[in-house]
Protein backbone atom coordinates (compact mmCIF):
# COMPACT_ATOMS: atom_id res chain seq x y z
CA MET A 1 161.42 113.98 96.69
CA ALA A 2 161.56 110.75 93.93
CA CYS A 3 159.67 108.52 95.92
CA GLN A 4 156.65 111.86 96.81
CA GLY A 5 156.77 111.83 93.05
CA ASN A 6 155.92 108.68 92.42
CA LEU A 7 153.06 109.04 94.85
CA ILE A 8 151.87 111.81 93.11
CA PHE A 9 151.69 110.05 89.86
CA ALA A 10 150.28 106.95 91.16
CA ARG A 11 147.46 109.39 92.56
CA ASP A 12 146.84 111.19 89.86
CA LEU A 13 146.66 107.78 87.74
CA LYS A 14 144.18 106.53 90.18
CA ILE A 15 141.67 109.67 89.79
CA ARG A 16 141.89 109.36 85.59
CA HIS A 17 140.74 105.83 86.58
CA LEU A 18 138.05 107.14 88.31
CA GLY A 19 136.91 109.57 85.96
CA PHE A 20 137.29 112.33 88.75
CA MET A 21 138.49 113.07 92.34
CA ALA A 22 135.29 112.34 94.23
CA LEU A 23 133.75 114.49 96.73
CA ILE A 24 130.67 112.83 98.43
CA ALA A 25 128.71 115.42 101.10
CA LEU A 26 126.17 113.44 103.60
CA LEU A 27 123.29 115.00 104.40
CA SER A 28 120.83 112.45 107.09
CA ASP A 29 119.41 112.57 110.62
CA TRP A 30 121.30 110.09 111.93
CA GLY A 31 122.69 112.15 114.96
CA THR A 32 126.29 111.62 115.43
CA LYS A 33 126.01 109.69 118.90
CA ASP A 34 125.57 106.21 117.42
CA HIS A 35 127.38 104.14 115.11
CA TYR A 36 125.84 105.34 111.67
CA VAL A 37 128.38 107.95 110.49
CA GLY A 38 131.49 105.84 110.98
CA MET A 39 129.94 103.13 109.36
CA VAL A 40 129.09 104.58 105.61
CA LYS A 41 132.56 107.44 105.92
CA GLY A 42 134.27 104.04 106.37
CA LYS A 43 132.79 101.91 103.72
CA ILE A 44 133.44 105.21 101.35
CA LEU A 45 136.96 105.25 102.19
CA THR A 46 137.16 101.25 101.41
CA LYS A 47 135.31 101.59 97.81
CA ILE A 48 136.42 105.13 96.96
CA PRO A 49 139.78 105.57 98.96
CA GLU A 50 140.24 108.71 96.85
CA SER A 51 137.35 110.17 97.87
CA ASP A 52 136.70 113.64 100.43
CA ILE A 53 133.80 113.29 102.93
CA ILE A 54 131.99 116.36 103.67
CA ASP A 55 129.57 116.29 106.83
CA ILE A 56 126.95 118.70 105.71
CA SER A 57 124.34 117.43 108.90
CA HIS A 58 123.71 114.75 110.89
CA GLU A 59 121.39 116.69 112.97
CA ILE A 60 118.47 116.85 111.14
CA PRO A 61 115.38 115.73 113.25
CA PRO A 62 114.44 112.13 112.43
CA PHE A 63 112.52 112.06 109.66
CA ASN A 64 111.86 115.60 109.44
CA LEU A 65 112.41 116.17 105.21
CA ASN A 66 110.95 119.57 105.02
CA ASN A 67 114.20 120.71 107.54
CA ALA A 68 116.66 118.46 105.77
CA ALA A 69 115.50 119.71 102.05
CA PHE A 70 115.79 123.50 103.77
CA VAL A 71 119.89 123.14 104.38
CA LEU A 72 120.27 121.00 101.11
CA ARG A 73 118.85 123.91 99.29
CA HIS A 74 120.99 126.14 100.80
CA CYS A 75 124.19 124.10 100.77
CA TYR A 76 124.18 122.60 97.07
CA ARG A 77 124.82 125.70 95.21
CA GLN A 78 128.15 126.24 97.09
CA PHE A 79 129.94 123.05 95.79
CA PRO A 80 132.10 122.22 93.01
CA GLU A 81 130.33 120.42 89.68
CA LYS A 82 130.39 116.49 90.24
CA THR A 83 129.81 116.84 94.11
CA ILE A 84 128.12 113.21 94.75
CA PHE A 85 125.63 114.25 97.77
CA ILE A 86 123.99 111.04 99.60
CA VAL A 87 121.22 112.10 101.41
CA ASP A 88 119.53 109.66 103.88
CA ILE A 89 116.34 110.65 105.57
CA THR A 90 113.62 108.35 105.63
CA SER A 91 115.25 106.39 103.20
CA GLU A 92 113.80 102.86 103.01
CA ALA A 93 112.37 102.28 99.35
CA THR A 94 108.75 101.79 98.13
CA ILE A 95 106.76 101.60 94.42
CA GLU A 96 105.89 104.69 95.20
CA MET A 97 109.35 106.26 96.74
CA PRO A 98 111.83 104.50 94.78
CA HIS A 99 115.77 104.79 95.39
CA VAL A 100 117.09 107.74 92.98
CA VAL A 101 120.22 109.29 91.21
CA VAL A 102 119.21 112.70 90.08
CA GLU A 103 121.52 114.80 88.27
CA TYR A 104 120.79 118.33 88.75
CA ALA A 105 123.16 121.60 88.88
CA GLY A 106 126.33 119.65 87.55
CA SER A 107 125.90 117.34 90.64
CA TYR A 108 124.44 114.01 91.54
CA PHE A 109 121.78 113.32 94.30
CA ILE A 110 121.25 110.24 95.88
CA GLY A 111 118.55 109.09 98.27
CA ALA A 112 114.60 108.01 98.43
CA ASP A 113 112.13 109.80 95.81
CA ASN A 114 110.13 111.28 99.17
CA GLY A 115 110.07 114.69 97.84
CA ILE A 116 112.87 116.48 99.36
CA PHE A 117 114.73 116.58 95.43
CA SER A 118 111.74 118.49 94.59
CA LEU A 119 111.67 120.74 97.69
CA ALA A 120 115.12 121.41 97.45
CA PHE A 121 115.33 122.30 93.80
CA ASP A 122 113.76 125.47 92.03
CA GLU A 123 113.91 123.88 88.47
CA ASP A 124 113.26 120.21 87.09
CA PRO A 125 116.64 118.36 87.09
CA ASP A 126 118.54 116.99 84.26
CA SER A 127 117.53 113.42 84.60
CA ILE A 128 116.46 110.98 87.62
CA THR A 129 117.21 107.54 87.02
CA GLU A 130 115.64 105.06 89.27
CA ILE A 131 118.88 102.48 91.40
CA ASP A 132 117.84 99.43 90.12
CA ILE A 133 120.76 97.15 91.13
CA TYR A 134 121.82 94.94 93.78
CA GLN A 135 123.06 96.09 97.27
CA ASP A 136 125.71 94.67 99.01
CA THR A 137 123.76 93.30 101.98
CA HIS A 138 120.77 91.14 102.62
CA THR A 139 119.13 93.92 105.15
CA PHE A 140 117.18 96.53 103.80
CA THR A 141 117.22 98.96 107.22
CA PHE A 142 120.37 101.25 106.10
CA ALA A 143 119.90 102.77 102.46
CA ALA A 144 123.16 104.70 102.42
CA PHE A 145 125.28 101.74 104.12
CA ASP A 146 123.73 98.71 101.72
CA LEU A 147 123.41 100.62 98.60
CA PHE A 148 124.03 104.31 97.82
CA VAL A 149 127.76 103.78 98.68
CA LYS A 150 127.97 101.60 95.80
CA VAL A 151 126.22 103.53 93.85
CA ALA A 152 128.39 106.51 94.13
CA GLN A 153 131.22 104.07 93.68
CA HIS A 154 129.36 103.34 90.00
CA ILE A 155 129.35 107.27 89.61
CA VAL A 156 133.26 108.27 90.76
CA GLU A 157 134.35 104.98 88.38
CA GLY A 158 132.82 106.85 85.16
CA LYS A 159 130.49 104.10 84.77
CA GLU A 160 126.68 105.36 82.59
CA ILE A 161 124.20 106.03 84.89
CA SER A 162 121.50 104.39 82.48
CA LEU A 163 123.30 101.32 84.02
CA LEU A 164 122.02 101.74 87.45
CA GLY A 165 117.99 101.56 86.40
CA PRO A 166 115.29 102.77 83.97
CA LYS A 167 114.61 106.66 83.52
CA ARG A 168 111.93 108.36 85.54
CA ASP A 169 109.49 111.70 84.00
CA ARG A 170 109.39 113.57 87.47
CA LEU A 171 110.41 113.51 91.16
CA ALA A 172 108.01 112.97 93.56
CA GLU A 173 106.36 116.26 94.96
CA ARG A 174 105.50 117.63 98.71
CA ILE A 175 103.22 120.55 99.12
CA GLN A 176 105.68 123.36 100.01
CA LEU A 177 103.81 126.77 101.60
CA LYS A 178 104.72 129.57 99.42
CA PRO A 179 104.41 133.34 99.99
CA VAL A 180 100.99 135.17 99.19
CA ALA A 181 101.93 138.43 97.36
CA GLU A 182 99.00 141.37 97.39
CA PRO A 183 99.59 144.57 96.16
CA ASP A 184 100.45 145.82 100.06
CA LEU A 185 100.71 142.75 101.69
CA ILE A 186 103.15 139.54 101.77
CA LYS A 187 102.35 136.52 103.68
CA GLY A 188 104.52 133.84 104.15
CA HIS A 189 105.76 131.70 106.92
CA VAL A 190 108.63 130.26 109.76
CA THR A 191 110.66 127.60 107.28
CA TYR A 192 113.10 127.03 109.41
CA VAL A 193 114.95 127.57 113.03
CA ASP A 194 118.14 127.23 113.26
CA ASN A 195 121.07 125.87 116.52
CA TYR A 196 121.01 129.91 117.13
CA GLU A 197 117.52 130.05 117.35
CA ASN A 198 117.49 132.43 114.41
CA VAL A 199 113.89 132.39 112.27
CA PHE A 200 113.99 132.03 108.50
CA THR A 201 110.96 132.69 106.69
CA ASN A 202 109.97 131.58 102.79
CA ILE A 203 109.96 135.20 101.69
CA ASP A 204 113.10 136.05 99.29
CA GLN A 205 114.45 139.29 99.18
CA GLU A 206 113.41 139.55 95.25
CA LEU A 207 109.88 139.18 96.34
CA PHE A 208 110.44 141.43 99.48
CA LEU A 209 111.46 144.44 96.80
CA ARG A 210 109.37 144.07 94.04
CA ILE A 211 105.84 144.04 96.38
CA GLY A 212 107.65 146.97 98.21
CA GLN A 213 108.45 149.27 95.77
CA LYS A 214 110.65 151.12 98.12
CA ARG A 215 107.61 152.09 100.98
CA SER A 216 107.85 151.89 104.10
CA PHE A 217 106.49 148.47 106.02
CA ARG A 218 106.23 146.60 108.79
CA ILE A 219 106.75 143.18 109.69
CA LEU A 220 104.46 141.16 111.96
CA PHE A 221 104.66 138.10 113.48
CA GLY A 222 103.92 136.48 116.99
CA ALA A 223 100.06 136.42 116.60
CA SER A 224 101.13 140.67 115.42
CA ARG A 225 102.32 140.80 118.60
CA TYR A 226 105.88 141.90 117.74
CA SER A 227 106.98 144.11 114.64
CA VAL A 228 110.07 145.28 113.54
CA ARG A 229 110.14 148.71 110.47
CA GLN A 230 113.66 148.16 109.04
CA ILE A 231 115.73 145.72 107.13
CA SER A 232 119.30 145.50 108.71
CA GLN A 233 122.90 144.15 107.47
CA SER A 234 124.03 142.86 110.64
CA TYR A 235 122.55 141.07 113.81
CA LYS A 236 125.09 144.09 115.54
CA ASP A 237 122.75 146.87 113.89
CA VAL A 238 120.53 146.43 117.17
CA SER A 239 121.14 146.88 120.49
CA GLU A 240 121.83 143.14 122.56
CA GLY A 241 118.44 141.90 123.04
CA GLU A 242 116.55 143.66 120.33
CA ILE A 243 114.77 141.93 117.67
CA VAL A 244 116.43 142.22 114.31
CA ALA A 245 115.10 141.33 110.58
CA LEU A 246 117.63 140.94 107.71
CA PHE A 247 118.00 138.72 104.54
CA SER A 248 120.50 135.78 105.18
CA SER A 249 123.50 135.25 102.62
CA SER A 250 121.12 132.42 101.75
CA GLY A 251 118.54 135.57 100.17
CA PHE A 252 115.37 134.59 102.93
CA LEU A 253 114.13 137.41 105.36
CA GLN A 254 115.01 135.95 108.98
CA ILE A 255 114.14 137.39 112.01
CA ALA A 256 116.63 136.94 114.88
CA VAL A 257 116.76 138.66 118.61
CA SER A 258 120.74 139.95 118.63
CA MET A 259 122.79 137.80 121.00
CA GLY A 260 119.45 136.14 121.64
CA ASN A 261 117.25 133.42 120.84
CA ALA A 262 114.64 134.35 118.84
CA SER A 263 112.24 131.09 118.50
CA GLY A 264 111.78 130.68 122.24
CA LEU A 265 111.71 134.60 123.02
CA LEU A 266 109.00 135.19 120.48
CA GLY A 267 107.35 132.05 120.20
CA LEU A 268 108.02 131.35 116.66
CA LYS A 269 108.21 128.16 115.19
CA VAL A 270 107.99 126.49 111.84
CA ASN A 271 104.89 127.10 109.69
CA ASP A 272 103.93 129.93 112.08
CA MET A 273 102.45 133.29 109.43
CA ILE A 274 104.99 136.12 108.73
CA ARG A 275 103.49 139.14 107.46
CA VAL A 276 104.93 141.84 105.80
CA GLU A 277 102.30 145.08 105.30
CA PHE A 278 103.15 148.22 103.04
CA GLY A 279 102.73 151.71 102.86
């Protein structure tokens, strides 16, 4: 028991030295069949041995910033404050898209300023710092391994973020399709298709309720070949194989097929239009 107590004391002492217990979340398009995930995790555990590593996803389609932003947007709120998010999608730095540390919602986001953060966040971040430090290698092809882990270590050790580089005023922006609302109509788009081929839209519940005002409605999609006239609470509210519309746990309108694959069966893909007609 004395030995165990000494180990706990040593662990707590190290955590106090580092500043806080590090929770590091990874989001990438690396896939899982190659060596990239293992390289980065191994380096994190070497540089920050008291860290916990969470894999958000490594199956983002290559270079797909919109897909990655959707996943990040729906995940980061569920993590405790001071989580460090390492985001590696299209992360080679340029003058226009430098590597940055973004402080937002009490956490830290490390990645390239390529538009992903402006897509994922609802509000302006607390601070944006351009990363201007030497990386650990002489190559420039794997930012998460070459640089981002070093930045995470800097944060965990309680060092000033300002030592990493100069401040930036704003994040790079990417054009994002937003729903269009009229008195009797909402026009939205498909933003994401998950592993079950459930279809997510950019129409949120607040907008739906505000425009709808408890009126009858129909949701049209698939070039208006398909429609739904009710919002369900679960996939099981309809019979197997039937179309169901519901608001996901993240608050956005979702189109699904009970025990089926909505995207494939209904021919829906990202950027397809979804219409909600009221009255």
